[in-house]
Structure formats: structure tokens, C-alpha cells
Amino acid sequence: MKMNKLLPIGLFFLGFILLNTGCHTKKVEKTETAFSMSDTMMTRCKFYKVQYDDVKNEIKLFGKIATDNNKTAQVYPIVTGVVKSINVELGDYVKQGQLLASIQSREVASFQKEKSDAQSELAIAEKDLQVAQDMYAGKLNSEKELIAAQKEVEKAKTELGRINEIYSIYRLKGGSIYNVTAPISGFVITKKINQNEQLPENISEPLFSIADIQEVWVLANVTEDEIAQIQVGYDAKVKTFAFPGVEYQGKIDKIFNVIDPDTKSMKARIRIQNDDLKLKPEMNCTVAVNYSENKKMATVPSSSIIFDKNKFWVMVFKDKNHIETRRVDVYRQFDQITYVKAGLTENETVISENGLLIYDALND
């Protein structure tokens, strides 16, 4: 009877011991299981060897695309008159010497008369000289009269040469039509002329502005609190709102040391090659200016940084069987690069792409 009472109690303790033994065995198996990257995962990941580089800071500025003043031409009319035809529109590409517009002008007609008169006067002076030479040879006039006839020819030639120079400079032709031509090759960036318009005297604005935009200026606005941080020679990255995925590289090559009273800012200039002609004058843009802080720090790609539990982490790679989740102290982070103040040493290798997959596998 006593044995029957003790039997259930003994079975209970035996079950408890077996249960604990089973649980302990499972825990040991989980602890001893090691993580190893598969060959497929190795090909999907990228790796980066930690380097110590100069720490650079960045200032974000706003600006506009502008034309190079030395590659821009303003086309003013040299005569008054009526606009008879216009051959180009705003935004058109033109070649040097190409016809832009035609103006019918009374002044051009007067130039034509002056040229005709000068040609006639030269012809008369040459005939008078021939007569004077013949008479001098026959001793019918003096040397003084011969010299006077020669001077009249020289005077007539000078006047005709002057008029021919005017024709050459302004590309004048016969009649009363003045042809407005492009002084340089480039794009028409302003056009202030209309068909049948009467052009007044002393016109103050150009009819056309033409610019070569294969190289453009970026004029960035530097506020007063940023002036001390900007210097000539600093690297600059330019992005436009029209093409946000395209980044243009350049350097600050000039600082205009004048404060605009309206914007309270100073202009900094960056020259940008524009071979694809995507950049147009007056486009808005952002300018990221980089400058050195004169100290070195560990650098890694920003894609290698994992933010979790309000902390920054990287996956330090030794080999496919030894990968460490390590907390780091981030000093400054940009789109492409991150400076790490503590947690990494030079030449260590971190996973720079798809590291989050490894992080989840090791830390879930």
C-alpha cells in the first residue's frame, strides 16, 4: 500500500528530470550551431576594406545655371528700319554668319548711294590724274598740278575704302536691306524682335543674345554665415531639378566678393562641362561644396551602415564562417560615404552591400 502511494510521486520526478534534460539538450544544440555564408550569398554581397581618409564636410547651396560671359554675344542693330523677316526662334542653334533677320532701312540705302558716289569720284579723279600726267609730259602744266591730281586720287580711294570697310564689317549688300547675322555659333537665349516692327534709334536692348553653352557657369548663392567656409578650389557637385539623377563635378574657381542687397548672399562660380547640352541658362540647381576638416578617420560606404535599436552597426567580415556584428560610432554620414569615429580599424573588411540580410540572420 505504501509502495502504491510513492509510485506516482516517483514517476512525476522522473518526468521532470527527463523534461529538463531535453530542454537543456536543445539549448546546447542551438548554441553550437554556427552561421556560414553560402556561395550564393557571397556573390550577392560586396566587401570593402576600411581606409583612413581626410574628413570632409559638406555645405548645401542653391544656385542657377548661367552662360559664360566670354562666350555670349549680344546682337544690336546698327540701323533703324522695319523688320521684314525673322529666320530663327528662341532656343534655336545657329552657326556663325547665319542669317537671323532682315531689316529694310533708309540708312542702308544711303550707304549704297555713298558707295556709288565714292566709286564715281574715284573714276573721275583717276581720269583727271591721267590728263595731268599727259599734260605734264608735254610740259603743259606744272609738277604742282600733277601732285594735286595724285592727291585727289588718293583721297577718293580712301573714301571708297572706308565705305567698303563698313560694308565688310556689317555684311551689307546692295539695296536697302540690312541682314542681321550671328556673330558666333551657339543657342539663341534671348529674342526681342518681331515681324514688321519699326526699330527706333538708339535702341537699348539687343535684338538677339547668342551663347555657346558647351561650358556653363553655376552661380551658387553663399549666405553670410557660410562665407567663411567657402574657398576657391573646393570641390563641388551640381544637381538640377530637371535632371535629379545626373550629377556634375566641378570646382569653385571664383568668388564674387560682393553681397547682393536683395538676397544677402555672395556668388561663387563653378565651371561645368555641358557636352550633352542638358544644362540651360536660368535652370535652378543645388550645389554641394566639400571641404576638408584637416583630420583623418575610418571611412566606409554608407550602404554598409545598419541602423537598428537606435544604434549604428556594421558587419565585419573575416571569412564566410566568421562574421561579427559590431557597433560603431558614426561621426558624419553622406549619401555615398560615412566617417566612423570609433569601432573600426584600418584594413578590416566590412560587408558594404546586402549586409542587412546577414545582420538579420545573425541577430534574429
Protein backbone atom coordinates (compact mmCIF):
# COMPACT_ATOMS: atom_id res chain seq x y z
CA MET A 1 0.00 0.00 0.00
CA LYS A 2 2.82 2.34 0.81
CA MET A 3 4.58 1.48 -2.44
CA ASN A 4 1.45 2.32 -4.46
CA LYS A 5 1.33 5.83 -2.95
CA LEU A 6 5.00 6.51 -3.70
CA LEU A 7 4.85 5.32 -7.31
CA PRO A 8 3.03 8.38 -8.77
CA ILE A 9 5.39 10.74 -6.95
CA GLY A 10 8.42 8.94 -8.37
CA LEU A 11 7.03 9.00 -11.88
CA PHE A 12 6.43 12.77 -11.57
CA PHE A 13 10.05 13.49 -10.60
CA LEU A 14 11.33 11.18 -13.33
CA GLY A 15 9.27 13.09 -15.95
CA PHE A 16 10.52 16.42 -14.61
CA ILE A 17 14.14 15.29 -14.90
CA LEU A 18 13.64 13.97 -18.43
CA LEU A 19 11.89 17.20 -19.47
CA ASN A 20 14.73 19.36 -18.14
CA THR A 21 17.30 17.15 -19.79
CA GLY A 22 15.50 17.51 -23.14
CA CYS A 23 15.32 21.31 -22.88
CA HIS A 24 18.98 21.57 -21.97
CA THR A 25 19.91 19.43 -24.94
CA LYS A 26 18.02 21.73 -27.32
CA LYS A 27 19.76 24.84 -25.93
CA VAL A 28 23.18 23.29 -26.39
CA GLU A 29 22.39 22.39 -29.99
CA LYS A 30 21.31 25.98 -30.79
CA THR A 31 24.43 27.48 -29.22
CA GLU A 32 26.76 25.17 -31.09
CA THR A 33 25.14 25.86 -34.50
CA ALA A 34 27.46 28.30 -36.40
CA PHE A 35 26.42 30.69 -39.20
CA SER A 36 28.15 30.23 -42.54
CA MET A 37 27.60 32.27 -45.70
CA SER A 38 26.63 30.25 -48.74
CA ASP A 39 28.40 30.72 -52.06
CA THR A 40 25.24 32.31 -53.47
CA MET A 41 25.15 34.85 -50.62
CA MET A 42 28.87 35.57 -51.10
CA THR A 43 28.21 36.56 -54.72
CA ARG A 44 25.29 38.80 -53.71
CA CYS A 45 27.33 40.72 -51.15
CA LYS A 46 30.03 43.31 -51.72
CA PHE A 47 33.00 43.91 -49.42
CA TYR A 48 35.00 46.99 -48.55
CA LYS A 49 38.36 47.32 -46.79
CA VAL A 50 38.28 50.08 -44.19
CA GLN A 51 40.52 53.05 -45.00
CA TYR A 52 41.53 56.18 -43.13
CA ASP A 53 40.81 59.28 -45.21
CA ASP A 54 40.61 63.02 -44.73
CA VAL A 55 37.32 64.00 -43.14
CA LYS A 56 35.30 66.23 -45.44
CA ASN A 57 32.30 68.32 -44.60
CA GLU A 58 29.61 69.46 -46.99
CA ILE A 59 27.66 72.67 -47.47
CA LYS A 60 24.43 72.66 -49.50
CA LEU A 61 23.84 75.77 -51.60
CA PHE A 62 21.24 76.83 -54.14
CA GLY A 63 22.11 78.45 -57.44
CA LYS A 64 21.37 78.92 -61.14
CA ILE A 65 22.92 77.92 -64.43
CA ALA A 66 24.34 80.90 -66.33
CA THR A 67 26.21 81.45 -69.59
CA ASP A 68 29.90 82.22 -69.79
CA ASN A 69 30.16 85.97 -70.38
CA ASN A 70 33.14 85.41 -72.65
CA LYS A 71 31.11 83.06 -74.87
CA THR A 72 27.98 85.19 -75.16
CA ALA A 73 27.23 87.74 -77.90
CA GLN A 74 24.62 90.50 -77.86
CA VAL A 75 23.30 91.41 -81.31
CA TYR A 76 22.34 95.08 -81.64
CA PRO A 77 21.02 96.71 -84.84
CA ILE A 78 23.32 99.24 -86.46
CA VAL A 79 20.47 100.79 -88.42
CA THR A 80 16.85 101.76 -87.92
CA GLY A 81 14.11 100.45 -90.14
CA VAL A 82 11.32 97.88 -90.49
CA VAL A 83 11.81 94.19 -89.70
CA LYS A 84 10.99 92.34 -92.92
CA SER A 85 11.78 88.74 -91.86
CA ILE A 86 12.92 86.68 -88.88
CA ASN A 87 14.70 83.39 -89.55
CA VAL A 88 15.26 81.96 -86.03
CA GLU A 89 13.32 81.47 -82.81
CA LEU A 90 14.22 81.36 -79.14
CA GLY A 91 16.24 78.26 -78.31
CA ASP A 92 17.43 77.60 -81.89
CA TYR A 93 21.04 76.65 -82.54
CA VAL A 94 22.74 78.94 -85.06
CA LYS A 95 26.13 78.95 -86.74
CA GLN A 96 28.43 81.94 -87.04
CA GLY A 97 27.37 84.09 -90.00
CA GLN A 98 23.88 82.56 -90.20
CA LEU A 99 21.05 84.94 -91.14
CA LEU A 100 18.93 85.88 -88.12
CA ALA A 101 16.68 88.62 -89.50
CA SER A 102 16.38 91.17 -92.33
CA ILE A 103 15.70 94.89 -91.84
CA GLN A 104 14.69 97.31 -94.56
CA SER A 105 16.49 100.54 -93.79
CA ARG A 106 16.82 104.00 -95.30
CA GLU A 107 20.31 104.19 -93.82
CA VAL A 108 21.45 101.15 -95.80
CA ALA A 109 20.12 102.79 -98.94
CA SER A 110 22.15 105.91 -98.10
CA PHE A 111 25.27 103.74 -97.65
CA GLN A 112 24.61 102.38 -101.13
CA LYS A 113 24.48 105.93 -102.52
CA GLU A 114 27.69 106.87 -100.68
CA LYS A 115 29.47 103.86 -102.16
CA SER A 116 28.24 104.69 -105.66
CA ASP A 117 29.33 108.33 -105.25
CA ALA A 118 32.75 107.27 -103.96
CA GLN A 119 33.26 104.95 -106.93
CA SER A 120 32.31 107.77 -109.34
CA GLU A 121 34.62 110.25 -107.63
CA LEU A 122 37.49 107.76 -107.81
CA ALA A 123 36.89 107.20 -111.51
CA ILE A 124 36.84 110.97 -112.17
CA ALA A 125 39.98 111.51 -110.06
CA GLU A 126 41.83 108.77 -111.96
CA LYS A 127 40.86 110.33 -115.32
CA ASP A 128 41.98 113.78 -114.11
CA LEU A 129 45.27 112.23 -113.00
CA GLN A 130 45.79 110.66 -116.41
CA VAL A 131 45.17 114.04 -118.09
CA ALA A 132 47.53 115.77 -115.65
CA GLN A 133 50.25 113.19 -116.34
CA ASP A 134 49.87 113.64 -120.13
CA MET A 135 49.96 117.43 -119.84
CA TYR A 136 52.97 117.28 -117.53
CA ALA A 137 54.74 115.03 -120.01
CA GLY A 138 54.01 117.66 -122.73
CA LYS A 139 55.12 120.41 -120.38
CA LEU A 140 51.67 121.95 -120.47
CA ASN A 141 51.21 122.04 -116.68
CA SER A 142 53.37 122.19 -113.62
CA GLU A 143 54.51 119.46 -111.22
CA LYS A 144 52.34 121.06 -108.54
CA GLU A 145 49.18 120.39 -110.59
CA LEU A 146 50.28 116.79 -111.14
CA ILE A 147 50.78 116.27 -107.40
CA ALA A 148 47.35 117.77 -106.68
CA ALA A 149 45.74 115.31 -109.13
CA GLN A 150 47.55 112.41 -107.43
CA LYS A 151 46.27 113.53 -104.00
CA GLU A 152 42.70 113.65 -105.31
CA VAL A 153 43.02 110.03 -106.42
CA GLU A 154 44.39 109.04 -103.01
CA LYS A 155 41.55 110.91 -101.29
CA ALA A 156 38.92 109.16 -103.45
CA LYS A 157 40.49 105.76 -102.78
CA THR A 158 40.50 106.43 -99.03
CA GLU A 159 36.80 107.33 -99.04
CA LEU A 160 35.87 104.26 -101.08
CA GLY A 161 37.99 102.09 -98.79
CA ARG A 162 36.17 103.50 -95.74
CA ILE A 163 32.78 102.64 -97.22
CA ASN A 164 33.97 99.18 -98.26
CA GLU A 165 35.10 98.58 -94.67
CA ILE A 166 31.60 99.46 -93.47
CA TYR A 167 30.15 97.00 -95.97
CA SER A 168 32.57 94.33 -94.80
CA ILE A 169 32.01 94.85 -91.07
CA TYR A 170 28.22 94.85 -91.29
CA ARG A 171 27.98 92.48 -94.27
CA LEU A 172 25.98 94.98 -96.28
CA LYS A 173 24.78 94.19 -99.77
CA GLY A 174 23.14 96.25 -102.46
CA GLY A 175 19.73 97.78 -101.99
CA SER A 176 18.10 98.85 -98.71
CA ILE A 177 18.18 95.51 -96.82
CA TYR A 178 20.38 95.03 -93.77
CA ASN A 179 20.91 91.36 -92.85
CA VAL A 180 21.35 90.62 -89.14
CA THR A 181 23.75 87.67 -88.83
CA ALA A 182 25.04 85.57 -85.92
CA PRO A 183 28.46 86.77 -84.69
CA ILE A 184 29.19 83.40 -83.03
CA SER A 185 27.84 79.86 -83.07
CA GLY A 186 25.50 78.96 -80.20
CA PHE A 187 21.93 78.97 -78.96
CA VAL A 188 19.53 81.91 -79.17
CA ILE A 189 18.86 82.64 -75.49
CA THR A 190 17.00 85.94 -75.89
CA LYS A 191 14.94 87.28 -78.80
CA LYS A 192 13.37 90.76 -78.71
CA ILE A 193 12.32 91.40 -82.29
CA ASN A 194 9.01 90.93 -84.13
CA GLN A 195 7.89 90.83 -87.74
CA ASN A 196 7.04 94.27 -89.24
CA GLU A 197 8.34 96.01 -86.11
CA GLN A 198 9.73 99.52 -86.53
CA LEU A 199 13.16 99.71 -84.89
CA PRO A 200 13.74 103.11 -83.28
CA GLU A 201 17.02 105.00 -83.00
CA ASN A 202 19.31 104.40 -80.00
CA ILE A 203 17.72 101.05 -79.18
CA SER A 204 18.97 99.98 -75.73
CA GLU A 205 18.26 96.23 -75.78
CA PRO A 206 19.81 93.62 -78.07
CA LEU A 207 17.67 92.04 -80.75
CA PHE A 208 19.21 88.64 -80.01
CA SER A 209 21.56 87.09 -77.45
CA ILE A 210 23.55 84.06 -78.56
CA ALA A 211 25.52 81.83 -76.20
CA ASP A 212 27.86 78.89 -76.58
CA ILE A 213 26.71 76.60 -73.73
CA GLN A 214 29.12 73.69 -74.13
CA GLU A 215 30.62 75.06 -70.93
CA VAL A 216 28.37 76.90 -68.49
CA TRP A 217 28.67 78.69 -65.18
CA VAL A 218 26.94 77.65 -61.99
CA LEU A 219 26.39 80.69 -59.76
CA ALA A 220 25.78 79.48 -56.19
CA ASN A 221 24.33 81.75 -53.51
CA VAL A 222 26.51 81.79 -50.37
CA THR A 223 24.78 83.22 -47.31
CA GLU A 224 26.68 85.41 -44.86
CA ASP A 225 27.10 82.65 -42.26
CA GLU A 226 28.65 80.35 -44.91
CA ILE A 227 31.14 82.80 -46.44
CA ALA A 228 33.99 81.80 -44.09
CA GLN A 229 33.61 78.14 -45.12
CA ILE A 230 33.89 78.71 -48.89
CA GLN A 231 37.20 78.97 -50.72
CA VAL A 232 38.43 78.87 -54.30
CA GLY A 233 39.44 75.34 -55.30
CA TYR A 234 36.84 73.47 -53.24
CA ASP A 235 35.16 70.52 -54.97
CA ALA A 236 31.52 70.98 -55.89
CA LYS A 237 28.77 68.61 -57.03
CA VAL A 238 25.89 70.14 -59.00
CA LYS A 239 22.41 68.69 -59.47
CA THR A 240 19.49 70.25 -61.31
CA PHE A 241 15.79 69.86 -60.60
CA ALA A 242 15.28 68.97 -64.26
CA PHE A 243 17.72 66.02 -64.13
CA PRO A 244 17.93 64.96 -60.45
CA GLY A 245 19.71 61.70 -61.30
CA VAL A 246 22.60 63.42 -63.08
CA GLU A 247 25.50 64.82 -61.02
CA TYR A 248 28.04 67.27 -62.45
CA GLN A 249 31.51 67.64 -60.94
CA GLY A 250 33.42 70.91 -60.74
CA LYS A 251 35.46 73.24 -58.56
CA ILE A 252 34.86 76.74 -57.25
CA ASP A 253 37.06 78.90 -59.48
CA LYS A 254 35.90 82.37 -58.47
CA ILE A 255 34.20 84.08 -55.55
CA PHE A 256 32.50 87.42 -56.25
CA ASN A 257 33.26 89.43 -53.11
CA VAL A 258 30.09 91.47 -53.23
CA ILE A 259 26.93 90.95 -51.18
CA ASP A 260 23.67 91.17 -53.10
CA PRO A 261 21.49 93.60 -51.10
CA ASP A 262 18.31 91.74 -52.09
CA THR A 263 19.37 88.14 -51.35
CA LYS A 264 22.00 88.99 -48.70
CA SER A 265 24.27 86.44 -50.34
CA MET A 266 27.54 86.25 -52.23
CA LYS A 267 28.09 84.44 -55.55
CA ALA A 268 30.50 81.56 -56.02
CA ARG A 269 31.20 80.32 -59.57
CA ILE A 270 31.70 76.74 -60.73
CA ARG A 271 32.53 75.93 -64.36
CA ILE A 272 30.75 72.83 -65.71
CA GLN A 273 31.29 70.99 -68.99
CA ASN A 274 27.95 70.69 -70.79
CA ASP A 275 28.76 68.48 -73.77
CA ASP A 276 25.27 66.93 -73.81
CA LEU A 277 23.72 70.44 -73.66
CA LYS A 278 21.28 69.40 -70.93
CA LEU A 279 22.12 72.42 -68.78
CA LYS A 280 20.23 75.52 -69.88
CA PRO A 281 20.68 79.13 -68.70
CA GLU A 282 18.42 80.09 -65.74
CA MET A 283 17.94 76.46 -64.61
CA ASN A 284 17.73 76.10 -60.83
CA CYS A 285 20.23 73.77 -59.19
CA THR A 286 21.69 72.59 -55.89
CA VAL A 287 25.41 72.75 -55.16
CA ALA A 288 27.13 70.51 -52.61
CA VAL A 289 30.51 72.00 -51.68
CA ASN A 290 33.04 69.69 -50.00
CA TYR A 291 35.90 70.91 -47.82
CA SER A 292 38.45 69.18 -45.60
CA GLU A 293 38.41 69.35 -41.77
CA ASN A 294 42.16 68.51 -41.72
CA LYS A 295 41.82 65.24 -39.80
CA LYS A 296 41.65 61.55 -40.73
CA MET A 297 39.03 58.98 -39.80
CA ALA A 298 37.88 55.49 -40.79
CA THR A 299 35.63 55.61 -43.87
CA VAL A 300 33.15 53.05 -45.17
CA PRO A 301 30.42 53.15 -47.82
CA SER A 302 27.16 54.43 -46.35
CA SER A 303 25.47 51.27 -47.65
CA SER A 304 27.44 49.25 -45.09
CA ILE A 305 25.90 51.10 -42.12
CA ILE A 306 22.90 49.42 -40.43
CA PHE A 307 20.72 51.43 -38.06
CA ASP A 308 18.86 49.32 -35.53
CA LYS A 309 17.78 49.76 -31.89
CA ASN A 310 18.85 53.43 -32.07
CA LYS A 311 22.44 52.38 -32.75
CA PHE A 312 24.72 52.03 -35.77
CA TRP A 313 26.17 48.64 -36.76
CA VAL A 314 28.41 47.12 -39.41
CA MET A 315 29.04 43.51 -40.37
CA VAL A 316 32.77 42.84 -40.04
CA PHE A 317 33.80 40.03 -42.39
CA LYS A 318 36.76 37.75 -41.60
CA ASP A 319 35.73 34.75 -43.66
CA LYS A 320 32.45 33.04 -44.60
CA ASN A 321 32.33 31.28 -41.20
CA HIS A 322 33.41 34.24 -39.06
CA ILE A 323 31.25 37.39 -39.35
CA GLU A 324 30.90 39.85 -36.49
CA THR A 325 28.05 42.25 -35.76
CA ARG A 326 29.86 45.32 -34.45
CA ARG A 327 28.51 48.57 -33.09
CA VAL A 328 30.20 51.72 -34.43
CA ASP A 329 30.20 55.40 -33.53
CA VAL A 330 29.28 57.40 -36.64
CA TYR A 331 30.86 60.85 -36.94
CA ARG A 332 29.21 62.04 -40.17
CA GLN A 333 27.16 60.32 -42.87
CA PHE A 334 26.64 61.31 -46.51
CA ASP A 335 24.88 59.61 -49.41
CA GLN A 336 27.94 57.64 -50.50
CA ILE A 337 30.41 57.72 -47.62
CA THR A 338 30.29 57.54 -43.82
CA TYR A 339 33.02 58.61 -41.37
CA VAL A 340 33.31 56.31 -38.33
CA LYS A 341 34.76 57.81 -35.15
CA ALA A 342 35.13 54.53 -33.20
CA GLY A 343 34.58 50.81 -33.70
CA LEU A 344 36.68 50.07 -36.77
CA THR A 345 40.37 49.82 -37.52
CA GLU A 346 42.19 50.24 -40.82
CA ASN A 347 42.19 47.28 -43.26
CA GLU A 348 39.28 45.49 -41.59
CA THR A 349 36.70 44.26 -44.11
CA VAL A 350 33.01 45.16 -43.86
CA ILE A 351 30.06 43.97 -45.92
CA SER A 352 29.08 47.01 -48.00
CA GLU A 353 26.07 45.59 -49.84
CA ASN A 354 23.29 43.27 -48.58
CA GLY A 355 24.82 43.34 -45.11
CA LEU A 356 21.32 43.73 -43.65
CA LEU A 357 20.50 40.17 -44.73
CA ILE A 358 23.47 38.84 -42.77
CA TYR A 359 22.60 41.07 -39.82
CA ASP A 360 19.06 39.66 -39.68
CA ALA A 361 20.29 36.07 -39.97
CA LEU A 362 22.74 36.51 -37.09
CA ASN A 363 20.64 38.66 -34.77
CA ASP A 364 17.04 37.49 -35.07
